[in-house]
């Protein structure tokens, strides 16, 4: 069973291969946005995979559209295939003027 570590919160778990990063984050109580409920349409569940990014599923078309940057994925689209270490990427709040 693959292991995932949420480096910014020090939480980790062994999980069944194929689970999404978002599902595991929510199960562990990791603070991560998920406005669209995991549909891949809001981009609020961003994670930077800093250890073993090759152990996540291939990048999905909607992730490419968001131009997230190198090794940044949507947690709802990235499936765990092997041991990984990730950091949640905070989304800055808009300031209304």
N, C-alpha and C. Protein backbone atom coordinates (compact mmCIF):
# COMPACT_ATOMS: atom_id res chain seq x y z
N UNK A 1 0.84 -1.19 0.00
CA UNK A 1 0.00 0.00 0.00
C UNK A 1 0.88 1.25 0.00
N UNK A 2 0.59 2.19 -0.90
CA UNK A 2 1.37 3.42 -0.96
C UNK A 2 1.18 4.27 0.30
N UNK A 3 2.19 5.09 0.56
CA UNK A 3 2.13 6.01 1.69
C UNK A 3 2.10 7.44 1.15
N UNK A 4 1.25 8.28 1.75
CA UNK A 4 1.23 9.70 1.42
C UNK A 4 1.52 10.48 2.70
N UNK A 5 2.33 11.51 2.55
CA UNK A 5 2.66 12.39 3.67
C UNK A 5 2.28 13.82 3.26
N UNK A 6 1.48 14.46 4.10
CA UNK A 6 1.15 15.87 3.91
C UNK A 6 2.17 16.65 4.73
N UNK A 7 3.20 17.13 4.06
CA UNK A 7 4.37 17.68 4.72
C UNK A 7 4.07 18.93 5.54
N UNK A 8 3.13 19.77 5.10
CA UNK A 8 2.87 21.01 5.85
C UNK A 8 2.02 20.76 7.09
N UNK A 9 1.44 19.57 7.24
CA UNK A 9 0.64 19.28 8.43
C UNK A 9 1.18 18.08 9.21
N UNK A 10 2.19 17.41 8.68
CA UNK A 10 2.78 16.27 9.38
C UNK A 10 1.84 15.09 9.50
N UNK A 11 0.91 14.97 8.57
CA UNK A 11 -0.04 13.85 8.60
C UNK A 11 0.33 12.87 7.50
N UNK A 12 0.14 11.59 7.79
CA UNK A 12 0.51 10.56 6.83
C UNK A 12 -0.43 9.38 6.94
N UNK A 13 -0.47 8.60 5.87
CA UNK A 13 -1.31 7.40 5.88
C UNK A 13 -0.86 6.45 4.79
N UNK A 14 -1.10 5.17 5.03
CA UNK A 14 -0.97 4.15 3.99
C UNK A 14 -2.36 4.02 3.40
N UNK A 15 -2.44 4.06 2.07
CA UNK A 15 -3.75 4.07 1.40
C UNK A 15 -3.77 3.07 0.26
N UNK A 16 -4.96 2.69 -0.14
CA UNK A 16 -5.11 1.83 -1.31
C UNK A 16 -4.71 2.62 -2.55
N UNK A 17 -3.98 2.01 -3.45
CA UNK A 17 -3.60 2.66 -4.70
C UNK A 17 -4.86 3.06 -5.45
N UNK A 18 -4.81 4.24 -6.08
CA UNK A 18 -5.93 4.72 -6.87
C UNK A 18 -6.79 5.75 -6.17
N UNK A 19 -6.60 5.95 -4.88
CA UNK A 19 -7.37 6.98 -4.17
C UNK A 19 -6.84 8.35 -4.54
N UNK A 20 -7.72 9.35 -4.50
CA UNK A 20 -7.26 10.70 -4.81
C UNK A 20 -6.61 11.34 -3.59
N UNK A 21 -5.72 12.27 -3.88
CA UNK A 21 -5.06 13.02 -2.81
C UNK A 21 -6.11 13.77 -1.99
N UNK A 22 -7.10 14.33 -2.65
CA UNK A 22 -8.15 15.08 -1.94
C UNK A 22 -8.91 14.18 -0.98
N UNK A 23 -9.33 13.01 -1.43
CA UNK A 23 -10.08 12.10 -0.55
C UNK A 23 -9.29 11.76 0.71
N UNK A 24 -8.01 11.48 0.54
CA UNK A 24 -7.18 11.12 1.69
C UNK A 24 -6.98 12.34 2.59
N UNK A 25 -6.77 13.52 1.99
CA UNK A 25 -6.60 14.74 2.78
C UNK A 25 -7.82 14.98 3.66
N UNK A 26 -8.99 14.87 3.09
CA UNK A 26 -10.22 15.10 3.86
C UNK A 26 -10.38 14.06 4.96
N UNK A 27 -10.04 12.83 4.66
CA UNK A 27 -10.13 11.76 5.66
C UNK A 27 -9.21 12.01 6.84
N UNK A 28 -8.03 12.59 6.57
CA UNK A 28 -7.05 12.86 7.63
C UNK A 28 -7.26 14.20 8.32
N UNK A 29 -8.21 14.99 7.85
CA UNK A 29 -8.44 16.30 8.45
C UNK A 29 -7.44 17.35 8.01
N UNK A 30 -6.85 17.19 6.84
CA UNK A 30 -5.91 18.17 6.32
C UNK A 30 -6.70 19.37 5.80
N UNK A 31 -6.24 20.57 6.10
CA UNK A 31 -6.90 21.79 5.64
C UNK A 31 -6.61 21.98 4.16
N UNK A 32 -7.62 21.73 3.32
CA UNK A 32 -7.47 21.86 1.87
C UNK A 32 -8.80 22.32 1.29
N UNK A 33 -8.73 23.26 0.35
CA UNK A 33 -9.93 23.73 -0.30
C UNK A 33 -10.53 22.66 -1.19
N UNK A 34 -11.83 22.71 -1.38
CA UNK A 34 -12.52 21.79 -2.30
C UNK A 34 -13.91 22.32 -2.61
N UNK A 35 -13.96 23.53 -3.15
CA UNK A 35 -15.20 24.24 -3.39
C UNK A 35 -16.15 23.44 -4.28
N UNK A 36 -15.63 22.79 -5.32
CA UNK A 36 -16.51 22.07 -6.26
C UNK A 36 -16.79 20.64 -5.84
N UNK A 37 -16.30 20.25 -4.68
CA UNK A 37 -16.57 18.89 -4.19
C UNK A 37 -15.79 17.80 -4.89
N UNK A 38 -14.69 18.15 -5.52
CA UNK A 38 -13.85 17.14 -6.16
C UNK A 38 -14.13 16.93 -7.63
N UNK A 39 -14.82 17.88 -8.26
CA UNK A 39 -15.15 17.75 -9.68
C UNK A 39 -14.07 18.23 -10.63
N UNK A 40 -13.00 18.81 -10.10
CA UNK A 40 -11.91 19.28 -10.95
C UNK A 40 -12.21 20.58 -11.67
N UNK A 41 -13.18 21.35 -11.17
CA UNK A 41 -13.57 22.56 -11.88
C UNK A 41 -13.21 23.86 -11.17
N UNK A 42 -12.78 23.81 -9.92
CA UNK A 42 -12.53 25.06 -9.19
C UNK A 42 -11.04 25.32 -8.94
N UNK A 43 -10.24 24.33 -8.95
CA UNK A 43 -8.78 24.39 -8.73
C UNK A 43 -8.38 24.80 -7.32
N UNK A 44 -9.26 24.66 -6.33
CA UNK A 44 -8.91 25.06 -4.97
C UNK A 44 -8.19 23.97 -4.18
N UNK A 45 -8.13 22.76 -4.71
CA UNK A 45 -7.46 21.66 -3.98
C UNK A 45 -6.04 21.43 -4.49
N UNK A 46 -5.34 22.49 -4.73
CA UNK A 46 -3.98 22.38 -5.29
C UNK A 46 -3.00 21.80 -4.26
N UNK A 47 -2.16 20.90 -4.76
CA UNK A 47 -1.08 20.35 -3.95
C UNK A 47 0.19 20.35 -4.77
N UNK A 48 1.31 20.62 -4.11
CA UNK A 48 2.61 20.52 -4.75
C UNK A 48 3.21 19.19 -4.33
N UNK A 49 3.50 18.35 -5.30
CA UNK A 49 4.11 17.05 -4.99
C UNK A 49 5.62 17.25 -4.97
N UNK A 50 6.21 17.24 -3.78
CA UNK A 50 7.63 17.52 -3.62
C UNK A 50 8.47 16.25 -3.50
N UNK A 51 7.83 15.13 -3.23
CA UNK A 51 8.55 13.85 -3.17
C UNK A 51 7.84 12.84 -4.06
N UNK A 52 8.54 12.33 -5.05
CA UNK A 52 8.06 11.28 -5.95
C UNK A 52 6.83 11.67 -6.77
N UNK A 53 6.86 12.80 -7.49
CA UNK A 53 5.70 13.19 -8.29
C UNK A 53 5.32 12.15 -9.34
N UNK A 54 6.26 11.32 -9.73
CA UNK A 54 5.98 10.27 -10.71
C UNK A 54 5.06 9.19 -10.15
N UNK A 55 4.84 9.21 -8.84
CA UNK A 55 3.96 8.21 -8.21
C UNK A 55 2.51 8.67 -8.12
N UNK A 56 2.19 9.76 -8.83
CA UNK A 56 0.80 10.17 -8.98
C UNK A 56 0.36 9.83 -10.40
N UNK A 57 -0.94 9.68 -10.58
CA UNK A 57 -1.50 9.38 -11.90
C UNK A 57 -1.11 10.48 -12.90
N UNK A 58 -1.21 10.19 -14.20
CA UNK A 58 -0.89 11.22 -15.20
C UNK A 58 -1.78 12.46 -15.06
N UNK A 59 -1.24 13.59 -15.49
CA UNK A 59 -1.96 14.85 -15.43
C UNK A 59 -3.19 14.79 -16.33
N UNK A 60 -4.29 15.28 -15.82
CA UNK A 60 -5.56 15.29 -16.54
C UNK A 60 -5.71 16.59 -17.34
N UNK A 61 -6.52 16.57 -18.42
CA UNK A 61 -6.67 17.75 -19.27
C UNK A 61 -7.09 19.02 -18.51
N UNK A 62 -8.00 18.89 -17.53
CA UNK A 62 -8.42 20.09 -16.82
C UNK A 62 -7.30 20.67 -15.95
N UNK A 63 -6.34 19.85 -15.53
CA UNK A 63 -5.20 20.37 -14.79
C UNK A 63 -4.30 21.19 -15.72
N UNK A 64 -4.14 20.74 -16.94
CA UNK A 64 -3.32 21.46 -17.92
C UNK A 64 -3.93 22.83 -18.17
N UNK A 65 -5.25 22.89 -18.26
CA UNK A 65 -5.93 24.15 -18.54
C UNK A 65 -5.66 25.20 -17.46
N UNK A 66 -5.44 24.79 -16.22
CA UNK A 66 -5.20 25.74 -15.13
C UNK A 66 -3.75 26.23 -15.07
N UNK A 67 -2.84 25.61 -15.82
CA UNK A 67 -1.42 26.00 -15.81
C UNK A 67 -0.91 26.14 -14.38
N UNK A 68 -0.96 25.05 -13.64
CA UNK A 68 -0.66 25.05 -12.21
C UNK A 68 0.82 25.19 -11.89
N UNK A 69 1.69 24.82 -12.80
CA UNK A 69 3.12 24.87 -12.55
C UNK A 69 3.68 23.46 -12.36
N UNK A 70 4.98 23.39 -12.33
CA UNK A 70 5.66 22.10 -12.25
C UNK A 70 5.33 21.37 -10.94
N UNK A 71 4.91 20.13 -11.07
CA UNK A 71 4.58 19.24 -9.95
C UNK A 71 3.45 19.75 -9.06
N UNK A 72 2.65 20.70 -9.54
CA UNK A 72 1.46 21.13 -8.82
C UNK A 72 0.27 20.46 -9.48
N UNK A 73 -0.55 19.84 -8.67
CA UNK A 73 -1.67 19.06 -9.17
C UNK A 73 -2.95 19.46 -8.44
N UNK A 74 -4.08 19.08 -9.03
CA UNK A 74 -5.35 19.19 -8.33
C UNK A 74 -5.51 17.92 -7.51
N UNK A 75 -5.73 18.06 -6.23
CA UNK A 75 -5.85 16.90 -5.35
C UNK A 75 -6.98 15.97 -5.74
N UNK A 76 -8.02 16.52 -6.35
CA UNK A 76 -9.17 15.69 -6.74
C UNK A 76 -8.90 14.88 -7.99
N UNK A 77 -7.88 15.25 -8.75
CA UNK A 77 -7.56 14.56 -10.00
C UNK A 77 -6.35 13.64 -9.86
N UNK A 78 -5.46 13.94 -8.93
CA UNK A 78 -4.24 13.17 -8.75
C UNK A 78 -4.51 11.92 -7.92
N UNK A 79 -4.30 10.78 -8.53
CA UNK A 79 -4.50 9.50 -7.85
C UNK A 79 -3.14 8.96 -7.39
N UNK A 80 -3.12 8.42 -6.19
CA UNK A 80 -1.89 7.94 -5.57
C UNK A 80 -1.58 6.55 -6.10
N UNK A 81 -0.39 6.41 -6.69
CA UNK A 81 0.03 5.12 -7.25
C UNK A 81 1.26 4.56 -6.53
N UNK A 82 1.90 5.37 -5.71
CA UNK A 82 3.08 4.97 -4.96
C UNK A 82 3.33 6.00 -3.87
N UNK A 83 4.41 5.84 -3.12
CA UNK A 83 4.73 6.75 -2.02
C UNK A 83 4.93 8.18 -2.54
N UNK A 84 4.29 9.16 -1.89
CA UNK A 84 4.42 10.56 -2.27
C UNK A 84 4.45 11.46 -1.05
N UNK A 85 5.05 12.62 -1.24
CA UNK A 85 5.02 13.67 -0.23
C UNK A 85 4.48 14.93 -0.88
N UNK A 86 3.45 15.52 -0.29
CA UNK A 86 2.81 16.69 -0.88
C UNK A 86 2.68 17.82 0.14
N UNK A 87 2.52 19.03 -0.38
CA UNK A 87 2.20 20.20 0.42
C UNK A 87 0.95 20.83 -0.17
N UNK A 88 0.03 21.21 0.67
CA UNK A 88 -1.16 21.92 0.21
C UNK A 88 -0.74 23.32 -0.21
N UNK A 89 -1.19 23.74 -1.39
CA UNK A 89 -0.89 25.08 -1.89
C UNK A 89 -2.06 25.98 -1.53
N UNK A 90 -1.85 26.94 -0.63
CA UNK A 90 -2.95 27.82 -0.24
C UNK A 90 -3.33 28.74 -1.40
N UNK A 91 -4.62 28.97 -1.54
CA UNK A 91 -5.13 29.88 -2.56
C UNK A 91 -5.40 31.22 -1.87
N UNK A 92 -4.75 32.31 -2.32
CA UNK A 92 -4.97 33.58 -1.66
C UNK A 92 -6.42 34.04 -1.80
N UNK A 93 -6.93 34.66 -0.77
CA UNK A 93 -8.28 35.21 -0.80
C UNK A 93 -8.29 36.51 -1.59
N UNK A 94 -9.35 36.69 -2.34
CA UNK A 94 -9.49 37.94 -3.10
C UNK A 94 -9.87 39.06 -2.14
N UNK A 95 -9.36 40.23 -2.40
CA UNK A 95 -9.71 41.39 -1.60
C UNK A 95 -10.68 42.23 -2.43
N UNK A 96 -11.86 42.42 -1.90
CA UNK A 96 -12.87 43.21 -2.59
C UNK A 96 -12.72 44.67 -2.17
N UNK A 97 -12.71 45.51 -3.15
CA UNK A 97 -12.54 46.95 -2.88
C UNK A 97 -13.80 47.69 -3.24
